[in-house]
C-alpha atoms as a PDB file:
ATOM      1  CA  MET A   1      89.921  94.427 145.999  1.00  0.00           C
ATOM      2  CA  LYS A   2      88.141  90.398 146.493  1.00  0.00           C
ATOM      3  CA  SER A   3      89.767  87.982 144.150  1.00  0.00           C
ATOM      4  CA  ALA A   4      86.013  86.852 142.803  1.00  0.00           C
ATOM      5  CA  GLY A   5      83.015  88.400 141.199  1.00  0.00           C
ATOM      6  CA  ALA A   6      83.207  91.135 138.333  1.00  0.00           C
ATOM      7  CA  LEU A   7      83.379  94.957 138.599  1.00  0.00           C
ATOM      8  CA  ARG A   8      81.023  97.770 136.368  1.00  0.00           C
ATOM      9  CA  GLN A   9      83.743  99.592 134.232  1.00  0.00           C
ATOM     10  CA  ILE A  10      81.688 102.932 133.380  1.00  0.00           C
ATOM     11  CA  SER A  11      83.344 104.695 130.571  1.00  0.00           C
ATOM     12  CA  LEU A  12      83.529 108.050 128.170  1.00  0.00           C
ATOM     13  CA  SER A  13      85.023 108.663 125.419  1.00  0.00           C
ATOM     14  CA  VAL A  14      86.650 112.073 125.478  1.00  0.00           C
ATOM     15  CA  SER A  15      88.789 114.691 124.066  1.00  0.00           C
ATOM     16  CA  ALA A  16      92.358 114.978 125.372  1.00  0.00           C
ATOM     17  CA  GLU A  17      91.799 118.509 126.208  1.00  0.00           C
ATOM     18  CA  ALA A  18      88.658 117.498 128.467  1.00  0.00           C
ATOM     19  CA  GLU A  19      90.916 114.223 130.501  1.00  0.00           C
ATOM     20  CA  GLU A  20      91.164 116.949 133.724  1.00  0.00           C
ATOM     21  CA  ALA A  21      87.865 118.206 133.549  1.00  0.00           C
ATOM     22  CA  VAL A  22      86.382 114.933 133.155  1.00  0.00           C
ATOM     23  CA  LEU A  23      88.253 113.220 135.263  1.00  0.00           C
ATOM     24  CA  ASP A  24      86.679 115.728 138.142  1.00  0.00           C
ATOM     25  CA  LEU A  25      83.244 115.179 137.021  1.00  0.00           C
ATOM     26  CA  MET A  26      83.504 111.450 137.290  1.00  0.00           C
ATOM     27  CA  ALA A  27      85.527 111.345 140.809  1.00  0.00           C
ATOM     28  CA  GLN A  28      82.548 113.852 142.074  1.00  0.00           C
ATOM     29  CA  ILE A  29      79.698 111.941 140.993  1.00  0.00           C
ATOM     30  CA  PHE A  30      80.955 108.073 142.018  1.00  0.00           C
ATOM     31  CA  GLY A  31      83.166 109.283 145.162  1.00  0.00           C
ATOM     32  CA  GLN A  32      86.338 107.696 143.881  1.00  0.00           C
ATOM     33  CA  PRO A  33      89.594 108.582 141.208  1.00  0.00           C
ATOM     34  CA  ALA A  34      88.645 107.818 138.227  1.00  0.00           C
ATOM     35  CA  SER A  35      91.456 106.606 135.082  1.00  0.00           C
ATOM     36  CA  PHE A  36      92.884 107.932 131.466  1.00  0.00           C
ATOM     37  CA  TYR A  37      93.489 106.068 128.857  1.00  0.00           C
ATOM     38  CA  SER A  38      95.300 106.947 125.581  1.00  0.00           C
ATOM     39  CA  ASN A  39      95.197 104.623 122.625  1.00  0.00           C
ATOM     40  CA  ALA A  40      98.657 105.582 121.263  1.00  0.00           C
ATOM     41  CA  GLU A  41      97.439 103.218 118.163  1.00  0.00           C
ATOM     42  CA  THR A  42      93.607 104.232 117.827  1.00  0.00           C
ATOM     43  CA  GLY A  43      94.048 107.637 118.882  1.00  0.00           C
ATOM     44  CA  ALA A  44      91.236 106.618 121.615  1.00  0.00           C
ATOM     45  CA  GLN A  45      91.060 108.971 124.690  1.00  0.00           C
ATOM     46  CA  ILE A  46      89.113 107.288 127.872  1.00  0.00           C
ATOM     47  CA  ALA A  47      88.046 107.662 131.081  1.00  0.00           C
ATOM     48  CA  SER A  48      86.934 105.181 133.322  1.00  0.00           C
ATOM     49  CA  VAL A  49      85.580 103.954 136.330  1.00  0.00           C
ATOM     50  CA  TYR A  50      85.560 100.958 137.989  1.00  0.00           C
ATOM     51  CA  LEU A  51      82.667  99.930 140.455  1.00  0.00           C
ATOM     52  CA  GLU A  52      82.008  96.711 142.537  1.00  0.00           C
ATOM     53  CA  ASN A  53      78.295  97.558 143.657  1.00  0.00           C
ATOM     54  CA  LYS A  54      75.937  97.180 140.848  1.00  0.00           C
ATOM     55  CA  THR A  55      73.891  99.423 142.424  1.00  0.00           C
ATOM     56  CA  ASP A  56      76.190 102.353 142.239  1.00  0.00           C
ATOM     57  CA  TRP A  57      75.511 102.361 138.452  1.00  0.00           C
ATOM     58  CA  ASN A  58      71.855 103.120 137.699  1.00  0.00           C
ATOM     59  CA  ALA A  59      69.794 105.868 135.522  1.00  0.00           C
ATOM     60  CA  GLY A  60      70.109 108.479 138.255  1.00  0.00           C
ATOM     61  CA  LYS A  61      74.243 108.207 137.990  1.00  0.00           C
ATOM     62  CA  GLU A  62      73.602 108.250 133.956  1.00  0.00           C
ATOM     63  CA  SER A  63      71.531 111.318 133.343  1.00  0.00           C
ATOM     64  CA  GLU A  64      73.938 113.372 136.069  1.00  0.00           C
ATOM     65  CA  LEU A  65      77.062 112.017 133.819  1.00  0.00           C
ATOM     66  CA  SER A  66      74.683 113.215 130.720  1.00  0.00           C
ATOM     67  CA  SER A  67      74.412 116.869 132.429  1.00  0.00           C
ATOM     68  CA  GLY A  68      77.575 117.362 133.836  1.00  0.00           C
ATOM     69  CA  LEU A  69      79.109 116.587 130.585  1.00  0.00           C
ATOM     70  CA  GLU A  70      76.591 119.258 128.843  1.00  0.00           C
ATOM     71  CA  ARG A  71      77.844 121.683 131.698  1.00  0.00           C
ATOM     72  CA  LEU A  72      81.529 121.626 130.609  1.00  0.00           C
ATOM     73  CA  ARG A  73      80.230 121.987 127.183  1.00  0.00           C
ATOM     74  CA  GLU A  74      78.344 125.123 127.850  1.00  0.00           C
ATOM     75  CA  CYS A  75      81.789 126.502 129.480  1.00  0.00           C
ATOM     76  CA  GLY A  76      83.147 125.968 126.174  1.00  0.00           C
ATOM     77  CA  LEU A  77      85.042 122.919 126.978  1.00  0.00           C
ATOM     78  CA  GLU A  78      85.625 120.681 123.734  1.00  0.00           C
ATOM     79  CA  ILE A  79      84.601 117.063 125.313  1.00  0.00           C
ATOM     80  CA  GLY A  80      85.199 115.002 122.304  1.00  0.00           C
ATOM     81  CA  PRO A  81      82.500 112.057 121.461  1.00  0.00           C
ATOM     82  CA  GLY A  82      81.526 112.004 125.140  1.00  0.00           C
ATOM     83  CA  THR A  83      80.245 108.314 124.572  1.00  0.00           C
ATOM     84  CA  ILE A  84      79.086 106.488 127.788  1.00  0.00           C
ATOM     85  CA  SER A  85      79.370 103.096 128.316  1.00  0.00           C
ATOM     86  CA  CYS A  86      79.176 100.238 130.613  1.00  0.00           C
ATOM     87  CA  LYS A  87      80.289  96.796 130.495  1.00  0.00           C
ATOM     88  CA  SER A  88      81.633  94.137 133.538  1.00  0.00           C
ATOM     89  CA  ILE A  89      84.961  93.246 133.537  1.00  0.00           C
ATOM     90  CA  PRO A  90      86.565  89.749 135.754  1.00  0.00           C
ATOM     91  CA  LYS A  91      88.203  91.533 138.845  1.00  0.00           C
ATOM     92  CA  GLU A  92      91.508  89.271 137.512  1.00  0.00           C
ATOM     93  CA  ASP A  93      91.055  90.683 134.156  1.00  0.00           C
ATOM     94  CA  TRP A  94      91.346  94.099 135.002  1.00  0.00           C
ATOM     95  CA  ALA A  95      94.084  93.333 137.545  1.00  0.00           C
ATOM     96  CA  GLU A  96      96.127  91.988 134.870  1.00  0.00           C
ATOM     97  CA  SER A  97      94.968  94.680 131.711  1.00  0.00           C
ATOM     98  CA  TRP A  98      96.414  97.758 134.461  1.00  0.00           C
ATOM     99  CA  LYS A  99      99.919  95.993 133.527  1.00  0.00           C
ATOM    100  CA  LYS A 100      99.831  95.911 130.254  1.00  0.00           C
ATOM    101  CA  HIS A 101     100.334  99.589 129.479  1.00  0.00           C
ATOM    102  CA  PHE A 102     103.064 100.342 132.354  1.00  0.00           C
ATOM    103  CA  LYS A 103     106.278 100.114 131.570  1.00  0.00           C
ATOM    104  CA  VAL A 104     109.884 100.637 133.483  1.00  0.00           C
ATOM    105  CA  MET A 105     110.530 104.201 132.979  1.00  0.00           C
ATOM    106  CA  GLU A 106     114.534 105.371 132.900  1.00  0.00           C
ATOM    107  CA  ILE A 107     114.995 109.313 133.750  1.00  0.00           C
ATOM    108  CA  GLY A 108     118.144 110.121 132.541  1.00  0.00           C
ATOM    109  CA  ARG A 109     121.321 107.718 134.795  1.00  0.00           C
ATOM    110  CA  SER A 110     119.949 108.294 137.970  1.00  0.00           C
ATOM    111  CA  LEU A 111     116.130 107.001 138.509  1.00  0.00           C
ATOM    112  CA  LEU A 112     114.404 104.386 137.483  1.00  0.00           C
ATOM    113  CA  ILE A 113     110.006 104.257 138.174  1.00  0.00           C
ATOM    114  CA  ARG A 114     108.233 100.895 137.753  1.00  0.00           C
ATOM    115  CA  PRO A 115     105.652  98.811 139.461  1.00  0.00           C
ATOM    116  CA  SER A 116     105.681  96.081 141.574  1.00  0.00           C
ATOM    117  CA  TRP A 117     105.295  93.603 139.345  1.00  0.00           C
ATOM    118  CA  LEU A 118     108.247  94.199 137.404  1.00  0.00           C
ATOM    119  CA  LYS A 119     111.852  94.036 138.732  1.00  0.00           C
ATOM    120  CA  PRO A 120     114.935  94.889 136.757  1.00  0.00           C
ATOM    121  CA  ARG A 121     118.003  94.688 138.379  1.00  0.00           C
ATOM    122  CA  LYS A 122     119.331  98.207 139.482  1.00  0.00           C
ATOM    123  CA  LYS A 123     122.551 100.148 137.790  1.00  0.00           C
ATOM    124  CA  ARG A 124     124.942 100.955 139.344  1.00  0.00           C
ATOM    125  CA  GLY A 125     124.206 105.016 141.098  1.00  0.00           C
ATOM    126  CA  GLN A 126     120.566 104.448 140.103  1.00  0.00           C
ATOM    127  CA  HIS A 127     117.750 105.152 142.246  1.00  0.00           C
ATOM    128  CA  GLN A 128     114.255 103.478 141.569  1.00  0.00           C
ATOM    129  CA  ILE A 129     110.528 104.372 142.968  1.00  0.00           C
ATOM    130  CA  VAL A 130     107.848 101.231 142.719  1.00  0.00           C
ATOM    131  CA  LEU A 131     104.285 103.113 141.683  1.00  0.00           C
ATOM    132  CA  ASP A 132     101.728 101.348 141.060  1.00  0.00           C
ATOM    133  CA  PRO A 133      98.955 101.869 138.522  1.00  0.00           C
ATOM    134  CA  GLY A 134      94.805 101.932 139.937  1.00  0.00           C
ATOM    135  CA  LEU A 135      93.284 103.963 141.792  1.00  0.00           C
ATOM    136  CA  SER A 136      96.506 106.334 142.965  1.00  0.00           C
ATOM    137  CA  PHE A 137      97.449 108.716 139.934  1.00  0.00           C
ATOM    138  CA  GLY A 138     100.638 110.151 138.302  1.00  0.00           C
ATOM    139  CA  THR A 139     103.201 107.124 137.815  1.00  0.00           C
ATOM    140  CA  GLY A 140     105.258 109.197 135.325  1.00  0.00           C
ATOM    141  CA  GLN A 141     103.329 108.033 132.140  1.00  0.00           C
ATOM    142  CA  HIS A 142     101.780 111.436 131.530  1.00  0.00           C
ATOM    143  CA  PRO A 143     103.680 113.819 129.424  1.00  0.00           C
ATOM    144  CA  THR A 144     103.480 117.140 131.995  1.00  0.00           C
ATOM    145  CA  THR A 145     104.512 114.646 135.071  1.00  0.00           C
ATOM    146  CA  LEU A 146     107.369 112.959 132.624  1.00  0.00           C
ATOM    147  CA  TYR A 147     108.594 116.603 131.800  1.00  0.00           C
ATOM    148  CA  CYS A 148     108.488 117.530 135.728  1.00  0.00           C
ATOM    149  CA  LEU A 149     110.584 114.211 136.451  1.00  0.00           C
ATOM    150  CA  GLN A 150     113.292 114.586 133.533  1.00  0.00           C
ATOM    151  CA  GLU A 151     114.024 118.209 134.600  1.00  0.00           C
ATOM    152  CA  LEU A 152     114.154 117.758 137.978  1.00  0.00           C
ATOM    153  CA  VAL A 153     116.760 114.642 137.734  1.00  0.00           C
ATOM    154  CA  TYR A 154     118.511 116.814 135.009  1.00  0.00           C
ATOM    155  CA  TYR A 155     119.257 119.798 137.891  1.00  0.00           C
ATOM    156  CA  ARG A 156     120.004 117.178 140.698  1.00  0.00           C
ATOM    157  CA  GLU A 157     122.586 115.188 138.548  1.00  0.00           C
ATOM    158  CA  LYS A 158     123.889 118.626 137.992  1.00  0.00           C
ATOM    159  CA  GLY A 159     123.992 119.080 141.440  1.00  0.00           C
ATOM    160  CA  GLY A 160     121.324 121.780 141.569  1.00  0.00           C
ATOM    161  CA  ALA A 161     117.573 121.025 143.092  1.00  0.00           C
ATOM    162  CA  LYS A 162     119.719 121.140 146.623  1.00  0.00           C
ATOM    163  CA  SER A 163     115.679 122.136 148.458  1.00  0.00           C
ATOM    164  CA  PHE A 164     112.122 121.043 146.152  1.00  0.00           C
ATOM    165  CA  LEU A 165     108.639 122.250 146.378  1.00  0.00           C
ATOM    166  CA  ASP A 166     106.380 120.080 144.522  1.00  0.00           C
ATOM    167  CA  ILE A 167     102.644 122.636 144.433  1.00  0.00           C
ATOM    168  CA  GLY A 168      99.676 119.538 143.746  1.00  0.00           C
ATOM    169  CA  THR A 169     101.826 116.678 144.803  1.00  0.00           C
ATOM    170  CA  GLY A 170      99.290 114.455 143.471  1.00  0.00           C
ATOM    171  CA  SER A 171     100.639 110.612 143.764  1.00  0.00           C
ATOM    172  CA  GLY A 172     103.801 112.405 145.328  1.00  0.00           C
ATOM    173  CA  ILE A 173     105.983 111.138 142.410  1.00  0.00           C
ATOM    174  CA  LEU A 174     107.946 113.693 142.308  1.00  0.00           C
ATOM    175  CA  ALA A 175     108.657 114.489 145.839  1.00  0.00           C
ATOM    176  CA  ILE A 176     109.454 110.661 146.470  1.00  0.00           C
ATOM    177  CA  ALA A 177     112.133 111.424 143.085  1.00  0.00           C
ATOM    178  CA  ALA A 178     113.306 114.666 145.061  1.00  0.00           C
ATOM    179  CA  ALA A 179     113.967 112.804 147.984  1.00  0.00           C
ATOM    180  CA  LYS A 180     115.276 109.685 146.318  1.00  0.00           C
ATOM    181  CA  LEU A 181     117.848 111.877 144.627  1.00  0.00           C
ATOM    182  CA  GLY A 182     119.472 114.032 147.704  1.00  0.00           C
ATOM    183  CA  SER A 183     117.299 117.159 147.667  1.00  0.00           C
ATOM    184  CA  ASN A 184     117.016 118.131 150.897  1.00  0.00           C
ATOM    185  CA  PRO A 185     114.298 119.838 152.190  1.00  0.00           C
ATOM    186  CA  VAL A 186     111.578 118.427 150.565  1.00  0.00           C
ATOM    187  CA  GLU A 187     107.913 119.693 150.773  1.00  0.00           C
ATOM    188  CA  ALA A 188     105.075 118.891 149.025  1.00  0.00           C
ATOM    189  CA  PHE A 189     101.241 119.326 149.244  1.00  0.00           C
ATOM    190  CA  ASP A 190      97.728 119.147 147.561  1.00  0.00           C
ATOM    191  CA  PHE A 191      94.390 120.730 147.782  1.00  0.00           C
ATOM    192  CA  ASP A 192      92.698 117.253 147.605  1.00  0.00           C
ATOM    193  CA  PRO A 193      93.098 115.308 151.162  1.00  0.00           C
ATOM    194  CA  GLU A 194      92.763 111.892 148.965  1.00  0.00           C
ATOM    195  CA  ALA A 195      95.839 112.910 147.168  1.00  0.00           C
ATOM    196  CA  VAL A 196      97.748 114.069 150.334  1.00  0.00           C
ATOM    197  CA  ARG A 197      96.635 110.348 151.982  1.00  0.00           C
ATOM    198  CA  ILE A 198      97.885 108.404 148.193  1.00  0.00           C
ATOM    199  CA  ALA A 199     101.191 110.813 148.478  1.00  0.00           C
ATOM    200  CA  ARG A 200     102.454 109.849 152.098  1.00  0.00           C
ATOM    201  CA  ARG A 201     101.233 105.782 151.744  1.00  0.00           C
ATOM    202  CA  ASN A 202     103.277 106.254 148.390  1.00  0.00           C
ATOM    203  CA  ALA A 203     106.519 107.995 149.935  1.00  0.00           C
ATOM    204  CA  GLN A 204     106.824 104.986 153.132  1.00  0.00           C
ATOM    205  CA  GLU A 205     106.868 102.415 150.555  1.00  0.00           C
ATOM    206  CA  ASN A 206     109.209 103.758 149.113  1.00  0.00           C
ATOM    207  CA  GLY A 207     111.104 104.410 152.408  1.00  0.00           C
ATOM    208  CA  VAL A 208     111.458 108.319 152.036  1.00  0.00           C
ATOM    209  CA  VAL A 209     108.437 109.132 154.641  1.00  0.00           C
ATOM    210  CA  ARG A 210     110.526 110.597 156.859  1.00  0.00           C
ATOM    211  CA  LYS A 211     112.831 113.058 153.897  1.00  0.00           C
ATOM    212  CA  LEU A 212     110.122 115.128 152.897  1.00  0.00           C
ATOM    213  CA  ARG A 213     107.045 116.739 154.184  1.00  0.00           C
ATOM    214  CA  ILE A 214     103.531 116.295 152.518  1.00  0.00           C
ATOM    215  CA  THR A 215     100.807 118.483 153.712  1.00  0.00           C
ATOM    216  CA  HIS A 216      97.011 118.894 152.902  1.00  0.00           C
ATOM    217  CA  GLN A 217      96.910 123.061 151.885  1.00  0.00           C
ATOM    218  CA  ASP A 218      95.323 124.993 149.088  1.00  0.00           C
ATOM    219  CA  LEU A 219      97.813 127.251 147.107  1.00  0.00           C
ATOM    220  CA  THR A 220      95.017 130.548 147.342  1.00  0.00           C
ATOM    221  CA  LYS A 221      94.918 130.680 151.106  1.00  0.00           C
ATOM    222  CA  LEU A 222      99.026 130.462 151.494  1.00  0.00           C
ATOM    223  CA  PRO A 223     100.649 133.957 152.147  1.00  0.00           C
ATOM    224  CA  LEU A 224     101.529 135.857 149.213  1.00  0.00           C
ATOM    225  CA  GLN A 225     104.832 136.112 150.602  1.00  0.00           C
ATOM    226  CA  SER A 226     107.034 133.177 152.296  1.00  0.00           C
ATOM    227  CA  LYS A 227     109.858 132.487 154.552  1.00  0.00           C
ATOM    228  CA  GLN A 228     110.982 128.994 153.266  1.00  0.00           C
ATOM    229  CA  GLN A 229     112.114 129.151 149.977  1.00  0.00           C
ATOM    230  CA  PHE A 230     113.238 126.568 147.525  1.00  0.00           C
ATOM    231  CA  SER A 231     115.654 126.289 144.890  1.00  0.00           C
ATOM    232  CA  PHE A 232     113.480 124.081 142.460  1.00  0.00           C
ATOM    233  CA  VAL A 233     110.162 124.239 142.774  1.00  0.00           C
ATOM    234  CA  CYS A 234     107.059 121.749 140.644  1.00  0.00           C
ATOM    235  CA  ALA A 235     103.698 123.035 139.558  1.00  0.00           C
ATOM    236  CA  ASN A 236     101.871 120.985 137.648  1.00  0.00           C
ATOM    237  CA  LEU A 237      98.434 122.931 137.765  1.00  0.00           C
ATOM    238  CA  ILE A 238      95.642 124.217 135.608  1.00  0.00           C
ATOM    239  CA  ILE A 239      96.035 126.934 133.670  1.00  0.00           C
ATOM    240  CA  ASP A 240      93.547 129.103 135.385  1.00  0.00           C
ATOM    241  CA  LEU A 241      95.679 127.902 139.193  1.00  0.00           C
ATOM    242  CA  LEU A 242      98.845 129.117 137.942  1.00  0.00           C
ATOM    243  CA  LEU A 243      97.788 132.594 136.450  1.00  0.00           C
ATOM    244  CA  GLU A 244      95.978 133.789 139.514  1.00  0.00           C
ATOM    245  CA  GLN A 245      98.542 132.466 141.971  1.00  0.00           C
ATOM    246  CA  LYS A 246     101.637 133.329 140.350  1.00  0.00           C
ATOM    247  CA  GLU A 247     102.983 135.516 142.553  1.00  0.00           C
ATOM    248  CA  ARG A 248     102.708 133.161 145.256  1.00  0.00           C
ATOM    249  CA  ILE A 249     103.787 130.262 143.180  1.00  0.00           C
ATOM    250  CA  ILE A 250     107.329 132.725 142.299  1.00  0.00           C
ATOM    251  CA  ASN A 251     107.700 133.838 145.954  1.00  0.00           C
ATOM    252  CA  ARG A 252     108.532 130.411 146.975  1.00  0.00           C
ATOM    253  CA  LEU A 253     110.914 130.394 144.544  1.00  0.00           C
ATOM    254  CA  LYS A 254     115.097 131.656 145.262  1.00  0.00           C
ATOM    255  CA  LEU A 255     116.711 134.097 143.213  1.00  0.00           C
ATOM    256  CA  GLY A 256     118.032 132.422 141.043  1.00  0.00           C
ATOM    257  CA  GLY A 257     116.377 129.181 141.109  1.00  0.00           C
ATOM    258  CA  ILE A 258     114.470 127.128 139.003  1.00  0.00           C
ATOM    259  CA  LEU A 259     110.278 126.722 138.345  1.00  0.00           C
ATOM    260  CA  VAL A 260     109.405 124.109 136.364  1.00  0.00           C
ATOM    261  CA  LEU A 261     105.707 124.675 134.771  1.00  0.00           C
ATOM    262  CA  ALA A 262     103.450 121.943 134.056  1.00  0.00           C
ATOM    263  CA  GLY A 263      99.708 121.043 132.932  1.00  0.00           C
ATOM    264  CA  ILE A 264      99.177 123.444 130.024  1.00  0.00           C
ATOM    265  CA  LEU A 265      97.620 122.937 126.637  1.00  0.00           C
ATOM    266  CA  LYS A 266     100.196 123.987 123.721  1.00  0.00           C
ATOM    267  CA  THR A 267      97.329 126.786 123.014  1.00  0.00           C
ATOM    268  CA  GLN A 268      97.741 127.860 126.018  1.00  0.00           C
ATOM    269  CA  PHE A 269     101.623 127.933 126.579  1.00  0.00           C
ATOM    270  CA  GLU A 270     102.174 131.119 125.266  1.00  0.00           C
ATOM    271  CA  GLU A 271      99.687 133.023 127.811  1.00  0.00           C
ATOM    272  CA  VAL A 272     101.837 131.625 130.652  1.00  0.00           C
ATOM    273  CA  ARG A 273     104.511 132.322 129.469  1.00  0.00           C
ATOM    274  CA  GLN A 274     104.200 136.055 129.278  1.00  0.00           C
ATOM    275  CA  GLY A 275     102.236 135.915 132.819  1.00  0.00           C
ATOM    276  CA  PHE A 276     105.143 134.739 134.502  1.00  0.00           C
ATOM    277  CA  GLU A 277     107.678 136.963 132.475  1.00  0.00           C
ATOM    278  CA  GLU A 278     106.255 139.738 133.634  1.00  0.00           C
ATOM    279  CA  CYS A 279     106.616 138.638 136.984  1.00  0.00           C
ATOM    280  CA  GLY A 280     110.636 138.344 136.915  1.00  0.00           C
ATOM    281  CA  MET A 281     110.788 134.568 135.078  1.00  0.00           C
ATOM    282  CA  MET A 282     113.128 134.172 132.224  1.00  0.00           C
ATOM    283  CA  LEU A 283     111.790 130.899 129.538  1.00  0.00           C
ATOM    284  CA  LEU A 284     114.673 128.541 129.537  1.00  0.00           C
ATOM    285  CA  LYS A 285     113.241 125.634 128.044  1.00  0.00           C
ATOM    286  CA  SER A 286     109.976 123.978 126.589  1.00  0.00           C
ATOM    287  CA  LYS A 287     109.045 121.499 125.364  1.00  0.00           C
ATOM    288  CA  ALA A 288     105.363 119.772 123.924  1.00  0.00           C
ATOM    289  CA  LEU A 289     104.303 116.859 123.623  1.00  0.00           C
ATOM    290  CA  LYS A 290     100.605 115.927 122.216  1.00  0.00           C
ATOM    291  CA  GLU A 291      98.589 118.262 123.096  1.00  0.00           C
ATOM    292  CA  TRP A 292     100.570 119.290 126.349  1.00  0.00           C
ATOM    293  CA  LYS A 293     103.578 121.847 126.368  1.00  0.00           C
ATOM    294  CA  SER A 294     105.816 122.387 129.533  1.00  0.00           C
ATOM    295  CA  GLY A 295     108.471 125.048 130.285  1.00  0.00           C
ATOM    296  CA  THR A 296     111.069 125.740 132.998  1.00  0.00           C
ATOM    297  CA  PHE A 297     112.085 129.196 133.800  1.00  0.00           C
ATOM    298  CA  ILE A 298     114.425 131.130 135.729  1.00  0.00           C
ATOM    299  CA  ARG A 299     113.629 133.622 138.747  1.00  0.00           C
ATOM    300  CA  THR A 300     115.912 136.477 137.533  1.00  0.00           C
ATOM    301  CA  SER A 301     113.981 139.787 139.447  1.00  0.00           C
ATOM    302  CA  ALA A 302     114.897 140.442 143.009  1.00  0.00           C
ATOM    303  CA  PRO A 303     112.833 138.913 145.605  1.00  0.00           C
ATOM    304  CA  LYS A 304     109.160 141.059 146.603  1.00  0.00           C
ATOM    305  CA  SER A 305     110.091 140.683 150.314  1.00  0.00           C
ATOM    306  CA  PRO A 306     112.811 142.684 152.167  1.00  0.00           C
ATOM    307  CA  LYS A 307     113.928 139.583 154.798  1.00  0.00           C
ATOM    308  CA  ALA A 308     114.391 137.129 151.667  1.00  0.00           C
ATOM    309  CA  ASN A 309     117.996 136.487 151.169  1.00  0.00           C
ATOM    310  CA  GLY A 310     120.049 134.405 148.492  1.00  0.00           C
ATOM    311  CA  SER A 311     122.112 135.763 145.784  1.00  0.00           C
ATOM    312  CA  PHE A 312     121.658 135.023 142.015  1.00  0.00           C
ATOM    313  CA  ASP A 313     122.765 132.012 140.919  1.00  0.00           C
ATOM    314  CA  THR A 314     124.091 132.664 137.478  1.00  0.00           C
ATOM    315  CA  GLY A 315     125.804 129.429 136.839  1.00  0.00           C
ATOM    316  CA  TRP A 316     122.485 127.882 136.635  1.00  0.00           C
ATOM    317  CA  LEU A 317     121.579 130.273 133.701  1.00  0.00           C
ATOM    318  CA  ASN A 318     124.986 129.788 132.227  1.00  0.00           C
ATOM    319  CA  LEU A 319     124.486 126.020 132.340  1.00  0.00           C
ATOM    320  CA  ARG A 320     121.355 126.439 130.773  1.00  0.00           C
ATOM    321  CA  LYS A 321     122.635 128.373 128.285  1.00  0.00           C
ATOM    322  CA  ASN A 322     125.179 126.387 127.057  1.00  0.00           C
ATOM    323  CA  ASN A 323     122.903 123.360 127.001  1.00  0.00           C
ATOM    324  CA  LEU A 324     119.582 124.718 125.366  1.00  0.00           C
ATOM    325  CA  ASN A 325     120.994 123.445 121.713  1.00  0.00           C
ATOM    326  CA  PHE A 326     120.512 119.510 122.193  1.00  0.00           C
ATOM    327  CA  ARG A 327     117.704 119.892 125.606  1.00  0.00           C
ATOM    328  CA  SER A 328     115.342 122.440 123.659  1.00  0.00           C
ATOM    329  CA  SER A 329     112.426 121.045 121.420  1.00  0.00           C
END
């Protein structure tokens, strides 16, 4: 963006439950990704887009946004206040305001995630990911992404997660982390072509573009069975997709492999747990943070495909049982 002039910030005050739906709605209306900010002190949940052209915000767009919110309410989603606001922001102030909310994140002993303007000294054996906020998304700040990162790092530090698949990769942060930590092969895909473009760019900027494969794919259209299976799979998706496509997800996981499920509201988690346990998964750990609850599962049943191979790795099951006392929440 140019350094001069001002941006128009179009914001919606919504509930945390409506975050994903409202972000999708705003992206459809304005043709660019929206951002979401949660103020820990006030409890405010704000979804925003930043527009360079004044003509991009008009009565028609406001009406379209209001109608979209009403449709979401009619579908039974608790929107919250739904207040629409518009204000002018100097571009320099906008850029600096982002920087206030993003800190260095250390995950376990081996991973550090930082924005480009912060340059802490790297510790021995620590891998760094540089990922800036802005029009991209998934910088590890969200509770669901953070949980996936914590579990990935935990298993890599124990010698697991030797191969990795990220379903719904977003910014690519999980795949980048897996590649940095030595998983091989590392694959990721997303339904959104813009997310794929951003993820590939982030992989390039972090020097791992040759160590992973990021593709544009629709989970619902993949073969039910998979010739390739992974020892660690992350699926940070909406509940409908998780439940409807659970067999496709599980069939991409090795017997004895670890599956991390996220993107689930606390009130929805029990339904997800039951659905996956009915398909041969066993819950090892779950964690709730704010309105979200994520879970780590192990595949205990024999693969459905007669051509699939791999033996059950009881070592990981014993490891998790031995560590549940201090890792569960």
